[in-house]
C-alpha cells in the first residue's frame, strides 16, 4: 500500500455545492481527511456547509451526510472543521462545500490517499 499526502483547494465558492475532492476509483483508493478549513472571503458574515456524498460503489449504505450545516463565519474568519478528527472516504466518495452567497468562501482540504 502506498500513502500519498495531498492538498486540494477550491476558491470563491458560491451558494451551490461544489466538489472539492473525489476519492479515485482506479486504482481503488481509500482517503483519510486530515483537515478541512473553510475561510470567509467576503466583507460580511456568511454560513457554510460541507457534505459527503457516499458513492454506491463504495459498498456502504449510500447516505449523503453533512459534516457541518449552516456554520456561521463572521467576515474575514475561518474555521477548522475537522478539529483533530479523521473521516475515511472510500473509492468514489465525494466531499463538497457551499456558502450562503456569491464567491464567499475558500476551502482547503488535506488528505492522505491509500492505494
C-alpha atoms as a PDB file:
ATOM      1  CA  UNK A   1       0.000   0.000   0.000  1.00  0.00           C
ATOM      2  CA  UNK A   2       1.222   3.463  -0.916  1.00  0.00           C
ATOM      3  CA  UNK A   3       0.310   6.503   1.174  1.00  0.00           C
ATOM      4  CA  UNK A   4       0.275   9.878  -0.573  1.00  0.00           C
ATOM      5  CA  UNK A   5      -0.460  13.185   1.163  1.00  0.00           C
ATOM      6  CA  UNK A   6      -2.357  15.723  -0.949  1.00  0.00           C
ATOM      7  CA  UNK A   7      -3.742  19.243  -0.711  1.00  0.00           C
ATOM      8  CA  UNK A   8      -6.956  20.174  -2.531  1.00  0.00           C
ATOM      9  CA  UNK A   9      -8.303  23.718  -2.673  1.00  0.00           C
ATOM     10  CA  UNK A  10     -11.391  25.466  -4.009  1.00  0.00           C
ATOM     11  CA  UNK A  11     -11.579  29.282  -4.202  1.00  0.00           C
ATOM     12  CA  UNK A  12     -14.562  31.652  -4.412  1.00  0.00           C
ATOM     13  CA  UNK A  13     -17.238  29.048  -3.689  1.00  0.00           C
ATOM     14  CA  UNK A  14     -20.829  30.122  -4.350  1.00  0.00           C
ATOM     15  CA  UNK A  15     -24.200  29.231  -2.829  1.00  0.00           C
ATOM     16  CA  UNK A  16     -24.418  25.818  -4.517  1.00  0.00           C
ATOM     17  CA  UNK A  17     -22.494  22.667  -3.643  1.00  0.00           C
ATOM     18  CA  UNK A  18     -19.164  22.286  -5.450  1.00  0.00           C
ATOM     19  CA  UNK A  19     -16.852  19.305  -5.345  1.00  0.00           C
ATOM     20  CA  UNK A  20     -13.545  19.845  -3.572  1.00  0.00           C
ATOM     21  CA  UNK A  21     -12.422  16.217  -3.827  1.00  0.00           C
ATOM     22  CA  UNK A  22     -13.489  12.843  -5.222  1.00  0.00           C
ATOM     23  CA  UNK A  23     -11.725   9.705  -3.998  1.00  0.00           C
ATOM     24  CA  UNK A  24     -10.236   7.919  -7.031  1.00  0.00           C
ATOM     25  CA  UNK A  25     -11.831   4.660  -8.130  1.00  0.00           C
ATOM     26  CA  UNK A  26      -8.919   3.441 -10.248  1.00  0.00           C
ATOM     27  CA  UNK A  27      -6.839   2.230  -8.649  1.00  0.00           C
ATOM     28  CA  UNK A  28      -9.180   1.515  -5.760  1.00  0.00           C
ATOM     29  CA  UNK A  29      -8.349   4.147  -3.150  1.00  0.00           C
ATOM     30  CA  UNK A  30      -9.261   4.943   0.430  1.00  0.00           C
ATOM     31  CA  UNK A  31      -8.704   8.515   1.580  1.00  0.00           C
ATOM     32  CA  UNK A  32      -8.342   9.954   5.060  1.00  0.00           C
ATOM     33  CA  UNK A  33      -9.445  13.549   5.564  1.00  0.00           C
ATOM     34  CA  UNK A  34      -6.792  15.042   7.828  1.00  0.00           C
ATOM     35  CA  UNK A  35      -8.025  18.618   7.804  1.00  0.00           C
ATOM     36  CA  UNK A  36     -10.718  20.833   6.321  1.00  0.00           C
ATOM     37  CA  UNK A  37     -10.573  24.603   6.697  1.00  0.00           C
ATOM     38  CA  UNK A  38     -13.266  26.925   5.366  1.00  0.00           C
ATOM     39  CA  UNK A  39     -12.497  30.659   5.097  1.00  0.00           C
ATOM     40  CA  UNK A  40     -14.904  33.563   4.673  1.00  0.00           C
ATOM     41  CA  UNK A  41     -13.515  35.815   1.913  1.00  0.00           C
ATOM     42  CA  UNK A  42     -16.454  38.271   1.982  1.00  0.00           C
ATOM     43  CA  UNK A  43     -16.728  41.536   3.866  1.00  0.00           C
ATOM     44  CA  UNK A  44     -19.809  40.322   5.735  1.00  0.00           C
ATOM     45  CA  UNK A  45     -20.938  37.261   7.707  1.00  0.00           C
ATOM     46  CA  UNK A  46     -21.842  34.081   5.828  1.00  0.00           C
ATOM     47  CA  UNK A  47     -22.785  30.485   6.561  1.00  0.00           C
ATOM     48  CA  UNK A  48     -21.173  27.384   5.087  1.00  0.00           C
ATOM     49  CA  UNK A  49     -21.890  23.693   4.535  1.00  0.00           C
ATOM     50  CA  UNK A  50     -19.598  20.707   3.990  1.00  0.00           C
ATOM     51  CA  UNK A  51     -21.173  17.492   2.762  1.00  0.00           C
ATOM     52  CA  UNK A  52     -20.040  13.948   1.986  1.00  0.00           C
ATOM     53  CA  UNK A  53     -21.680  12.155  -0.923  1.00  0.00           C
ATOM     54  CA  UNK A  54     -21.243   8.404  -0.444  1.00  0.00           C
ATOM     55  CA  UNK A  55     -20.725   6.520  -3.702  1.00  0.00           C
ATOM     56  CA  UNK A  56     -22.920   3.497  -4.231  1.00  0.00           C
ATOM     57  CA  UNK A  57     -19.786   1.704  -5.456  1.00  0.00           C
ATOM     58  CA  UNK A  58     -18.172   2.022  -2.019  1.00  0.00           C
ATOM     59  CA  UNK A  59     -20.404  -0.748  -0.694  1.00  0.00           C
ATOM     60  CA  UNK A  60     -21.750   1.469   2.065  1.00  0.00           C
ATOM     61  CA  UNK A  61     -25.385   2.472   2.588  1.00  0.00           C
ATOM     62  CA  UNK A  62     -25.134   5.435   0.219  1.00  0.00           C
ATOM     63  CA  UNK A  63     -26.428   8.121   2.594  1.00  0.00           C
ATOM     64  CA  UNK A  64     -25.277  11.669   1.878  1.00  0.00           C
ATOM     65  CA  UNK A  65     -24.397  13.455   5.124  1.00  0.00           C
ATOM     66  CA  UNK A  66     -23.361  16.917   6.282  1.00  0.00           C
ATOM     67  CA  UNK A  67     -20.090  17.357   8.111  1.00  0.00           C
ATOM     68  CA  UNK A  68     -21.334  20.857   9.007  1.00  0.00           C
ATOM     69  CA  UNK A  69     -24.552  22.643   8.049  1.00  0.00           C
ATOM     70  CA  UNK A  70     -25.044  26.431   8.108  1.00  0.00           C
ATOM     71  CA  UNK A  71     -21.956  27.036  10.249  1.00  0.00           C
ATOM     72  CA  UNK A  72     -21.663  30.803  10.845  1.00  0.00           C
ATOM     73  CA  UNK A  73     -18.482  32.556   9.682  1.00  0.00           C
ATOM     74  CA  UNK A  74     -18.001  36.226  10.585  1.00  0.00           C
ATOM     75  CA  UNK A  75     -16.312  38.456   7.983  1.00  0.00           C
ATOM     76  CA  UNK A  76     -12.668  37.517   7.422  1.00  0.00           C
ATOM     77  CA  UNK A  77     -12.771  34.431   9.651  1.00  0.00           C
ATOM     78  CA  UNK A  78     -12.033  30.759   9.090  1.00  0.00           C
ATOM     79  CA  UNK A  79     -12.972  27.520  10.808  1.00  0.00           C
ATOM     80  CA  UNK A  80     -11.104  24.214  11.081  1.00  0.00           C
ATOM     81  CA  UNK A  81     -13.934  21.737  10.561  1.00  0.00           C
ATOM     82  CA  UNK A  82     -12.040  18.581  11.472  1.00  0.00           C
ATOM     83  CA  UNK A  83     -10.534  19.749  14.821  1.00  0.00           C
ATOM     84  CA  UNK A  84      -8.378  16.633  15.220  1.00  0.00           C
ATOM     85  CA  UNK A  85     -10.963  14.150  13.916  1.00  0.00           C
ATOM     86  CA  UNK A  86     -10.471  11.983  10.842  1.00  0.00           C
ATOM     87  CA  UNK A  87     -13.041  10.903   8.254  1.00  0.00           C
ATOM     88  CA  UNK A  88     -12.498   7.967   5.913  1.00  0.00           C
ATOM     89  CA  UNK A  89     -13.660   8.208   2.294  1.00  0.00           C
ATOM     90  CA  UNK A  90     -13.979   5.098   0.136  1.00  0.00           C
ATOM     91  CA  UNK A  91     -13.499   4.914  -3.640  1.00  0.00           C
ATOM     92  CA  UNK A  92     -15.896   7.293  -5.380  1.00  0.00           C
ATOM     93  CA  UNK A  93     -16.925   9.209  -2.249  1.00  0.00           C
ATOM     94  CA  UNK A  94     -17.072  12.992  -2.700  1.00  0.00           C
ATOM     95  CA  UNK A  95     -16.541  15.992  -0.400  1.00  0.00           C
ATOM     96  CA  UNK A  96     -18.497  19.117  -1.366  1.00  0.00           C
ATOM     97  CA  UNK A  97     -18.787  22.612   0.127  1.00  0.00           C
ATOM     98  CA  UNK A  98     -21.029  25.631  -0.357  1.00  0.00           C
ATOM     99  CA  UNK A  99     -21.508  29.096   1.057  1.00  0.00           C
ATOM    100  CA  UNK A 100     -24.547  31.267   1.546  1.00  0.00           C
ATOM    101  CA  UNK A 101     -23.811  33.831  -1.177  1.00  0.00           C
ATOM    102  CA  UNK A 102     -21.741  34.503  -4.308  1.00  0.00           C
ATOM    103  CA  UNK A 103     -17.958  33.984  -4.151  1.00  0.00           C
ATOM    104  CA  UNK A 104     -17.995  33.884  -0.367  1.00  0.00           C
ATOM    105  CA  UNK A 105     -15.616  31.155   0.771  1.00  0.00           C
ATOM    106  CA  UNK A 106     -12.430  29.233   0.138  1.00  0.00           C
ATOM    107  CA  UNK A 107     -11.960  25.589   1.137  1.00  0.00           C
ATOM    108  CA  UNK A 108      -8.649  23.907   1.994  1.00  0.00           C
ATOM    109  CA  UNK A 109      -8.596  20.117   2.282  1.00  0.00           C
ATOM    110  CA  UNK A 110      -5.672  17.963   3.442  1.00  0.00           C
ATOM    111  CA  UNK A 111      -5.951  14.263   2.701  1.00  0.00           C
ATOM    112  CA  UNK A 112      -3.948  11.063   2.663  1.00  0.00           C
ATOM    113  CA  UNK A 113      -4.701   8.652  -0.177  1.00  0.00           C
ATOM    114  CA  UNK A 114      -4.075   4.953   0.430  1.00  0.00           C
ATOM    115  CA  UNK A 115      -3.761   2.861  -2.751  1.00  0.00           C
END
